[in-house]
């Protein structure tokens, strides 16, 4: 069975769900060191937190969790891949995986998966900059989610 998601206004949610989100946010921001501490501060039992924690997210959190898979044909020259990775890092992206084929006829295909949740600017702007990067012959997004 496929997971189904709903958007529900906060005042419609049971108190335990709202408090679970509060605990997760406190932990994320470093306002509490442990689940026990955060749950106690918001008045939620740890068992309720663990019951709901993996199924409750803020809408903002879901927007941040984005992975793009990018396929590129790169010139087989020293430093080309390094410059591409520098461009990702400079845009606040985080490379999760890299797969590179053996270069044939002076080109290597490289596929990278990038966590784009903290990237600066739109993905289209990043892709334009990537395509302009020296040594990048072709670049396209083959998956995003």
N, C-alpha and C. Protein backbone atom coordinates (compact mmCIF):
# COMPACT_ATOMS: atom_id res chain seq x y z
N UNK A 1 0.83 -1.18 0.00
CA UNK A 1 0.00 0.00 0.00
C UNK A 1 0.88 1.25 0.00
N UNK A 2 0.56 2.20 -0.83
CA UNK A 2 1.32 3.43 -0.95
C UNK A 2 1.00 4.38 0.20
N UNK A 3 2.04 5.07 0.73
CA UNK A 3 1.82 6.06 1.78
C UNK A 3 0.96 7.19 1.24
N UNK A 4 0.04 7.67 2.06
CA UNK A 4 -0.79 8.81 1.70
C UNK A 4 -0.51 9.92 2.69
N UNK A 5 -0.50 11.15 2.20
CA UNK A 5 -0.21 12.31 3.03
C UNK A 5 -1.36 13.29 2.96
N UNK A 6 -1.55 14.03 4.06
CA UNK A 6 -2.60 15.01 4.16
C UNK A 6 -2.02 16.32 4.69
N UNK A 7 -2.57 17.40 4.30
CA UNK A 7 -2.23 18.69 4.87
C UNK A 7 -3.38 19.06 5.79
N UNK A 8 -3.04 19.24 7.07
CA UNK A 8 -4.06 19.50 8.08
C UNK A 8 -3.66 20.74 8.87
N UNK A 9 -4.59 21.64 9.06
CA UNK A 9 -4.32 22.84 9.86
C UNK A 9 -3.99 22.42 11.29
N UNK A 10 -3.01 23.10 11.90
CA UNK A 10 -2.50 22.71 13.21
C UNK A 10 -3.59 22.61 14.28
N UNK A 11 -4.53 23.53 14.30
CA UNK A 11 -5.55 23.50 15.36
C UNK A 11 -6.51 22.31 15.23
N UNK A 12 -6.42 21.57 14.14
CA UNK A 12 -7.25 20.39 13.94
C UNK A 12 -6.55 19.11 14.42
N UNK A 13 -5.25 19.20 14.71
CA UNK A 13 -4.47 18.03 15.09
C UNK A 13 -4.62 17.71 16.58
N UNK A 14 -4.56 16.43 16.93
CA UNK A 14 -4.53 16.06 18.35
C UNK A 14 -3.29 16.66 19.02
N UNK A 15 -3.43 16.94 20.30
CA UNK A 15 -2.35 17.58 21.07
C UNK A 15 -1.04 16.78 21.00
N UNK A 16 -1.10 15.47 21.02
CA UNK A 16 0.12 14.66 20.99
C UNK A 16 0.89 14.84 19.69
N UNK A 17 0.20 15.04 18.59
CA UNK A 17 0.86 15.26 17.30
C UNK A 17 1.58 16.61 17.31
N UNK A 18 0.89 17.65 17.78
CA UNK A 18 1.48 18.99 17.85
C UNK A 18 2.71 18.98 18.76
N UNK A 19 2.59 18.32 19.89
CA UNK A 19 3.72 18.27 20.84
C UNK A 19 4.87 17.45 20.28
N UNK A 20 4.59 16.42 19.51
CA UNK A 20 5.65 15.64 18.86
C UNK A 20 6.45 16.54 17.93
N UNK A 21 5.77 17.36 17.16
CA UNK A 21 6.45 18.29 16.26
C UNK A 21 7.28 19.28 17.06
N UNK A 22 6.75 19.77 18.18
CA UNK A 22 7.49 20.70 19.03
C UNK A 22 8.77 20.05 19.55
N UNK A 23 8.69 18.80 19.97
CA UNK A 23 9.87 18.08 20.45
C UNK A 23 10.91 17.95 19.35
N UNK A 24 10.47 17.56 18.15
CA UNK A 24 11.40 17.41 17.04
C UNK A 24 12.09 18.73 16.70
N UNK A 25 11.34 19.83 16.74
CA UNK A 25 11.92 21.14 16.46
C UNK A 25 12.92 21.55 17.55
N UNK A 26 12.59 21.29 18.80
CA UNK A 26 13.52 21.61 19.90
C UNK A 26 14.83 20.85 19.74
N UNK A 27 14.74 19.58 19.36
CA UNK A 27 15.94 18.77 19.16
C UNK A 27 16.73 19.28 17.97
N UNK A 28 16.05 19.62 16.88
CA UNK A 28 16.72 20.12 15.68
C UNK A 28 17.46 21.43 15.95
N UNK A 29 16.84 22.32 16.72
CA UNK A 29 17.46 23.62 17.02
C UNK A 29 18.48 23.55 18.15
N UNK A 30 18.60 22.41 18.81
CA UNK A 30 19.55 22.27 19.90
C UNK A 30 19.06 22.86 21.21
N UNK A 31 17.75 23.08 21.34
CA UNK A 31 17.18 23.64 22.57
C UNK A 31 17.03 22.60 23.66
N UNK A 32 17.17 21.34 23.29
CA UNK A 32 17.13 20.24 24.25
C UNK A 32 18.16 19.21 23.79
N UNK A 33 18.82 18.60 24.76
CA UNK A 33 19.87 17.64 24.43
C UNK A 33 19.34 16.23 24.19
N UNK A 34 18.21 15.90 24.80
CA UNK A 34 17.68 14.54 24.68
C UNK A 34 16.18 14.58 24.41
N UNK A 35 15.65 13.47 23.92
CA UNK A 35 14.22 13.33 23.73
C UNK A 35 13.52 13.47 25.07
N UNK A 36 14.07 12.85 26.09
CA UNK A 36 13.48 12.93 27.43
C UNK A 36 13.31 14.38 27.88
N UNK A 37 14.38 15.17 27.73
CA UNK A 37 14.33 16.58 28.14
C UNK A 37 13.28 17.36 27.36
N UNK A 38 13.29 17.23 26.03
CA UNK A 38 12.35 17.97 25.19
C UNK A 38 10.91 17.55 25.46
N UNK A 39 10.67 16.25 25.55
CA UNK A 39 9.32 15.74 25.79
C UNK A 39 8.79 16.23 27.14
N UNK A 40 9.64 16.21 28.14
CA UNK A 40 9.25 16.68 29.46
C UNK A 40 8.89 18.17 29.43
N UNK A 41 9.66 18.95 28.70
CA UNK A 41 9.42 20.39 28.64
C UNK A 41 8.09 20.74 27.95
N UNK A 42 7.68 19.95 26.96
CA UNK A 42 6.40 20.25 26.28
C UNK A 42 5.23 19.47 26.88
N UNK A 43 5.51 18.59 27.83
CA UNK A 43 4.43 17.83 28.47
C UNK A 43 3.94 16.65 27.65
N UNK A 44 4.87 15.92 27.04
CA UNK A 44 4.53 14.76 26.22
C UNK A 44 5.28 13.54 26.74
N UNK A 45 4.62 12.40 26.76
CA UNK A 45 5.32 11.18 27.18
C UNK A 45 6.29 10.75 26.08
N UNK A 46 7.38 10.12 26.48
CA UNK A 46 8.33 9.64 25.48
C UNK A 46 7.70 8.58 24.58
N UNK A 47 6.83 7.76 25.14
CA UNK A 47 6.19 6.72 24.31
C UNK A 47 5.32 7.34 23.23
N UNK A 48 4.63 8.44 23.53
CA UNK A 48 3.83 9.12 22.51
C UNK A 48 4.74 9.71 21.45
N UNK A 49 5.86 10.30 21.87
CA UNK A 49 6.81 10.85 20.91
C UNK A 49 7.29 9.77 19.94
N UNK A 50 7.73 8.63 20.48
CA UNK A 50 8.25 7.57 19.63
C UNK A 50 7.15 6.95 18.74
N UNK A 51 5.93 7.01 19.21
CA UNK A 51 4.81 6.49 18.41
C UNK A 51 4.60 7.34 17.15
N UNK A 52 4.74 8.65 17.25
CA UNK A 52 4.41 9.55 16.15
C UNK A 52 5.60 10.13 15.39
N UNK A 53 6.79 10.08 15.93
CA UNK A 53 7.94 10.83 15.40
C UNK A 53 8.26 10.53 13.94
N UNK A 54 8.10 9.32 13.49
CA UNK A 54 8.46 8.97 12.12
C UNK A 54 7.36 9.25 11.10
N UNK A 55 6.22 9.72 11.57
CA UNK A 55 5.13 9.97 10.65
C UNK A 55 4.61 11.40 10.65
N UNK A 56 5.26 12.28 11.41
CA UNK A 56 4.79 13.65 11.54
C UNK A 56 5.90 14.60 11.14
N UNK A 57 5.60 15.46 10.17
CA UNK A 57 6.57 16.44 9.69
C UNK A 57 5.86 17.75 9.43
N UNK A 58 6.58 18.83 9.59
CA UNK A 58 6.01 20.11 9.19
C UNK A 58 6.10 20.21 7.68
N UNK A 59 5.24 21.01 7.09
CA UNK A 59 5.27 21.19 5.64
C UNK A 59 6.61 21.76 5.21
N UNK A 60 7.18 22.65 6.01
CA UNK A 60 8.49 23.23 5.71
C UNK A 60 9.56 22.16 5.66
N UNK A 61 9.49 21.19 6.57
CA UNK A 61 10.48 20.10 6.59
C UNK A 61 10.42 19.30 5.30
N UNK A 62 9.24 19.02 4.82
CA UNK A 62 9.11 18.23 3.59
C UNK A 62 9.66 18.99 2.39
N UNK A 63 9.54 20.31 2.37
CA UNK A 63 10.09 21.10 1.29
C UNK A 63 11.62 21.05 1.30
N UNK A 64 12.21 20.95 2.49
CA UNK A 64 13.67 20.97 2.61
C UNK A 64 14.30 19.65 2.19
N UNK A 65 13.57 18.58 2.27
CA UNK A 65 14.12 17.26 1.99
C UNK A 65 14.05 16.97 0.50
N UNK A 66 15.01 17.45 -0.25
CA UNK A 66 14.99 17.29 -1.70
C UNK A 66 16.31 16.71 -2.18
N UNK A 67 16.21 15.73 -3.04
CA UNK A 67 17.40 15.14 -3.65
C UNK A 67 17.25 15.23 -5.15
N UNK A 68 18.26 15.76 -5.80
CA UNK A 68 18.28 15.83 -7.26
C UNK A 68 19.36 14.88 -7.77
N UNK A 69 19.04 14.14 -8.80
CA UNK A 69 20.02 13.28 -9.47
C UNK A 69 20.35 13.92 -10.80
N UNK A 70 21.64 14.20 -10.98
CA UNK A 70 22.10 14.96 -12.15
C UNK A 70 23.08 14.10 -12.95
N UNK A 71 22.83 13.99 -14.25
CA UNK A 71 23.71 13.27 -15.15
C UNK A 71 24.49 14.29 -15.97
N UNK A 72 25.81 14.06 -16.09
CA UNK A 72 26.68 15.00 -16.82
C UNK A 72 27.66 14.24 -17.69
N UNK A 73 27.98 14.81 -18.83
CA UNK A 73 29.11 14.35 -19.63
C UNK A 73 30.22 15.36 -19.43
N UNK A 74 31.35 14.88 -18.90
CA UNK A 74 32.47 15.76 -18.57
C UNK A 74 33.68 15.42 -19.41
N UNK A 75 34.42 16.47 -19.79
CA UNK A 75 35.70 16.25 -20.47
C UNK A 75 36.62 15.49 -19.54
N UNK A 76 37.40 14.60 -20.12
CA UNK A 76 38.37 13.83 -19.34
C UNK A 76 39.65 14.67 -19.19
N UNK A 77 39.55 15.66 -18.29
CA UNK A 77 40.66 16.54 -17.98
C UNK A 77 40.77 16.69 -16.48
N UNK A 78 41.96 16.86 -16.01
CA UNK A 78 42.20 17.04 -14.58
C UNK A 78 41.46 18.27 -14.06
N UNK A 79 40.74 18.10 -12.96
CA UNK A 79 40.09 19.22 -12.28
C UNK A 79 38.66 19.50 -12.67
N UNK A 80 38.15 18.89 -13.74
CA UNK A 80 36.78 19.20 -14.18
C UNK A 80 35.77 18.75 -13.12
N UNK A 81 35.87 17.51 -12.67
CA UNK A 81 34.94 17.02 -11.65
C UNK A 81 35.09 17.81 -10.36
N UNK A 82 36.30 18.16 -10.01
CA UNK A 82 36.55 18.95 -8.80
C UNK A 82 35.83 20.30 -8.88
N UNK A 83 35.85 20.93 -10.04
CA UNK A 83 35.17 22.22 -10.19
C UNK A 83 33.66 22.06 -10.10
N UNK A 84 33.13 20.96 -10.64
CA UNK A 84 31.70 20.69 -10.54
C UNK A 84 31.31 20.51 -9.07
N UNK A 85 32.11 19.75 -8.33
CA UNK A 85 31.82 19.52 -6.91
C UNK A 85 31.94 20.82 -6.13
N UNK A 86 32.88 21.67 -6.52
CA UNK A 86 33.02 22.98 -5.89
C UNK A 86 31.80 23.86 -6.13
N UNK A 87 31.23 23.75 -7.33
CA UNK A 87 30.02 24.51 -7.66
C UNK A 87 28.85 24.04 -6.78
N UNK A 88 28.74 22.73 -6.59
CA UNK A 88 27.69 22.19 -5.72
C UNK A 88 27.88 22.73 -4.30
N UNK A 89 29.09 22.62 -3.78
CA UNK A 89 29.37 23.08 -2.42
C UNK A 89 29.16 24.58 -2.29
N UNK A 90 29.56 25.34 -3.29
CA UNK A 90 29.39 26.78 -3.27
C UNK A 90 27.93 27.21 -3.27
N UNK A 91 27.06 26.33 -3.73
CA UNK A 91 25.62 26.61 -3.75
C UNK A 91 24.93 26.03 -2.52
N UNK A 92 25.72 25.54 -1.56
CA UNK A 92 25.21 24.93 -0.33
C UNK A 92 24.53 23.59 -0.56
N UNK A 93 24.86 22.93 -1.69
CA UNK A 93 24.36 21.58 -1.93
C UNK A 93 25.28 20.59 -1.24
N UNK A 94 24.81 19.37 -1.06
CA UNK A 94 25.61 18.33 -0.42
C UNK A 94 25.57 17.09 -1.30
N UNK A 95 26.73 16.68 -1.82
CA UNK A 95 26.79 15.51 -2.69
C UNK A 95 26.60 14.26 -1.84
N UNK A 96 25.62 13.44 -2.23
CA UNK A 96 25.33 12.20 -1.52
C UNK A 96 26.00 11.00 -2.17
N UNK A 97 25.96 10.93 -3.51
CA UNK A 97 26.59 9.83 -4.24
C UNK A 97 27.23 10.37 -5.51
N UNK A 98 28.26 9.66 -5.97
CA UNK A 98 28.91 9.97 -7.24
C UNK A 98 29.15 8.64 -7.95
N UNK A 99 28.78 8.58 -9.22
CA UNK A 99 29.10 7.42 -10.04
C UNK A 99 29.71 7.94 -11.34
N UNK A 100 30.89 7.46 -11.65
CA UNK A 100 31.57 7.91 -12.87
C UNK A 100 31.94 6.71 -13.72
N UNK A 101 31.66 6.81 -15.03
CA UNK A 101 32.06 5.75 -15.95
C UNK A 101 33.52 5.96 -16.34
N UNK A 102 34.10 4.94 -16.92
CA UNK A 102 35.46 5.06 -17.47
C UNK A 102 35.38 5.97 -18.69
N UNK A 103 36.27 6.96 -18.80
CA UNK A 103 36.21 7.87 -19.95
C UNK A 103 36.40 7.14 -21.28
N UNK A 104 35.55 7.48 -22.23
CA UNK A 104 35.63 6.96 -23.58
C UNK A 104 35.62 8.15 -24.53
N UNK A 105 36.54 8.17 -25.47
CA UNK A 105 36.63 9.23 -26.47
C UNK A 105 36.68 10.62 -25.81
N UNK A 106 37.39 10.69 -24.68
CA UNK A 106 37.62 11.96 -24.02
C UNK A 106 36.50 12.46 -23.14
N UNK A 107 35.43 11.65 -22.96
CA UNK A 107 34.31 12.05 -22.11
C UNK A 107 34.00 10.97 -21.09
N UNK A 108 33.60 11.41 -19.89
CA UNK A 108 33.14 10.49 -18.85
C UNK A 108 31.75 10.91 -18.44
N UNK A 109 30.86 9.93 -18.25
CA UNK A 109 29.54 10.24 -17.73
C UNK A 109 29.62 10.17 -16.20
N UNK A 110 29.12 11.21 -15.56
CA UNK A 110 29.11 11.28 -14.10
C UNK A 110 27.68 11.53 -13.67
N UNK A 111 27.21 10.71 -12.73
CA UNK A 111 25.89 10.90 -12.15
C UNK A 111 26.09 11.18 -10.67
N UNK A 112 25.54 12.32 -10.21
CA UNK A 112 25.63 12.68 -8.79
C UNK A 112 24.23 12.84 -8.22
N UNK A 113 24.08 12.44 -6.98
CA UNK A 113 22.86 12.72 -6.22
C UNK A 113 23.21 13.81 -5.23
N UNK A 114 22.40 14.86 -5.23
CA UNK A 114 22.70 16.04 -4.41
C UNK A 114 21.52 16.36 -3.50
N UNK A 115 21.81 16.55 -2.23
CA UNK A 115 20.81 17.05 -1.29
C UNK A 115 20.72 18.54 -1.53
N UNK A 116 19.57 18.99 -2.03
CA UNK A 116 19.40 20.40 -2.40
C UNK A 116 18.61 21.18 -1.35
N UNK A 117 18.39 20.58 -0.18
CA UNK A 117 17.54 21.22 0.82
C UNK A 117 18.07 22.56 1.32
N UNK A 118 19.37 22.79 1.24
CA UNK A 118 19.94 24.05 1.71
C UNK A 118 20.52 24.89 0.57
N UNK A 119 20.29 24.45 -0.66
CA UNK A 119 20.90 25.16 -1.79
C UNK A 119 20.35 26.56 -1.92
N UNK A 120 21.26 27.46 -2.28
CA UNK A 120 20.90 28.86 -2.50
C UNK A 120 20.32 29.01 -3.91
N UNK A 121 19.18 29.65 -4.03
CA UNK A 121 18.60 29.93 -5.34
C UNK A 121 17.85 28.74 -5.93
N UNK A 122 17.32 28.97 -7.10
CA UNK A 122 16.52 27.95 -7.79
C UNK A 122 17.42 26.92 -8.45
N UNK A 123 16.90 25.73 -8.61
CA UNK A 123 17.64 24.64 -9.25
C UNK A 123 17.96 24.99 -10.69
N UNK A 124 17.08 25.72 -11.36
CA UNK A 124 17.33 26.09 -12.75
C UNK A 124 18.58 26.97 -12.87
N UNK A 125 18.76 27.88 -11.93
CA UNK A 125 19.95 28.73 -11.92
C UNK A 125 21.22 27.92 -11.69
N UNK A 126 21.14 26.95 -10.81
CA UNK A 126 22.28 26.07 -10.55
C UNK A 126 22.63 25.28 -11.81
N UNK A 127 21.61 24.74 -12.47
CA UNK A 127 21.85 23.95 -13.67
C UNK A 127 22.45 24.80 -14.79
N UNK A 128 22.01 26.05 -14.91
CA UNK A 128 22.60 26.96 -15.89
C UNK A 128 24.09 27.18 -15.61
N UNK A 129 24.41 27.41 -14.34
CA UNK A 129 25.81 27.61 -13.95
C UNK A 129 26.63 26.35 -14.20
N UNK A 130 26.04 25.20 -13.95
CA UNK A 130 26.72 23.92 -14.18
C UNK A 130 27.02 23.74 -15.67
N UNK A 131 26.05 24.04 -16.51
CA UNK A 131 26.24 23.88 -17.96
C UNK A 131 27.29 24.85 -18.51
N UNK A 132 27.46 25.99 -17.85
CA UNK A 132 28.49 26.97 -18.27
C UNK A 132 29.88 26.62 -17.75
N UNK A 133 29.95 25.71 -16.80
CA UNK A 133 31.23 25.33 -16.20
C UNK A 133 32.13 24.70 -17.26
N UNK A 134 33.38 25.13 -17.31
CA UNK A 134 34.33 24.57 -18.26
C UNK A 134 34.47 23.07 -18.11
N UNK A 135 34.42 22.36 -19.22
CA UNK A 135 34.58 20.91 -19.21
C UNK A 135 33.28 20.14 -19.10
N UNK A 136 32.16 20.84 -18.83
CA UNK A 136 30.86 20.19 -18.77
C UNK A 136 30.24 20.28 -20.15
N UNK A 137 30.11 19.13 -20.81
CA UNK A 137 29.56 19.09 -22.17
C UNK A 137 28.04 19.02 -22.17
N UNK A 138 27.48 18.31 -21.17
CA UNK A 138 26.04 18.14 -21.09
C UNK A 138 25.69 17.91 -19.62
N UNK A 139 24.57 18.47 -19.17
CA UNK A 139 24.12 18.26 -17.78
C UNK A 139 22.60 18.32 -17.77
N UNK A 140 21.99 17.34 -17.12
CA UNK A 140 20.53 17.34 -17.01
C UNK A 140 20.10 16.66 -15.72
N UNK A 141 18.96 17.08 -15.22
CA UNK A 141 18.38 16.46 -14.04
C UNK A 141 17.61 15.22 -14.51
N UNK A 142 17.96 14.07 -13.95
CA UNK A 142 17.28 12.84 -14.35
C UNK A 142 16.32 12.34 -13.27
N UNK A 143 16.34 12.99 -12.13
CA UNK A 143 15.42 12.63 -11.05
C UNK A 143 15.43 13.69 -9.97
N UNK A 144 14.27 13.91 -9.39
CA UNK A 144 14.17 14.89 -8.33
C UNK A 144 13.05 14.45 -7.40
N UNK A 145 13.29 14.58 -6.11
CA UNK A 145 12.25 14.20 -5.16
C UNK A 145 12.64 14.48 -3.76
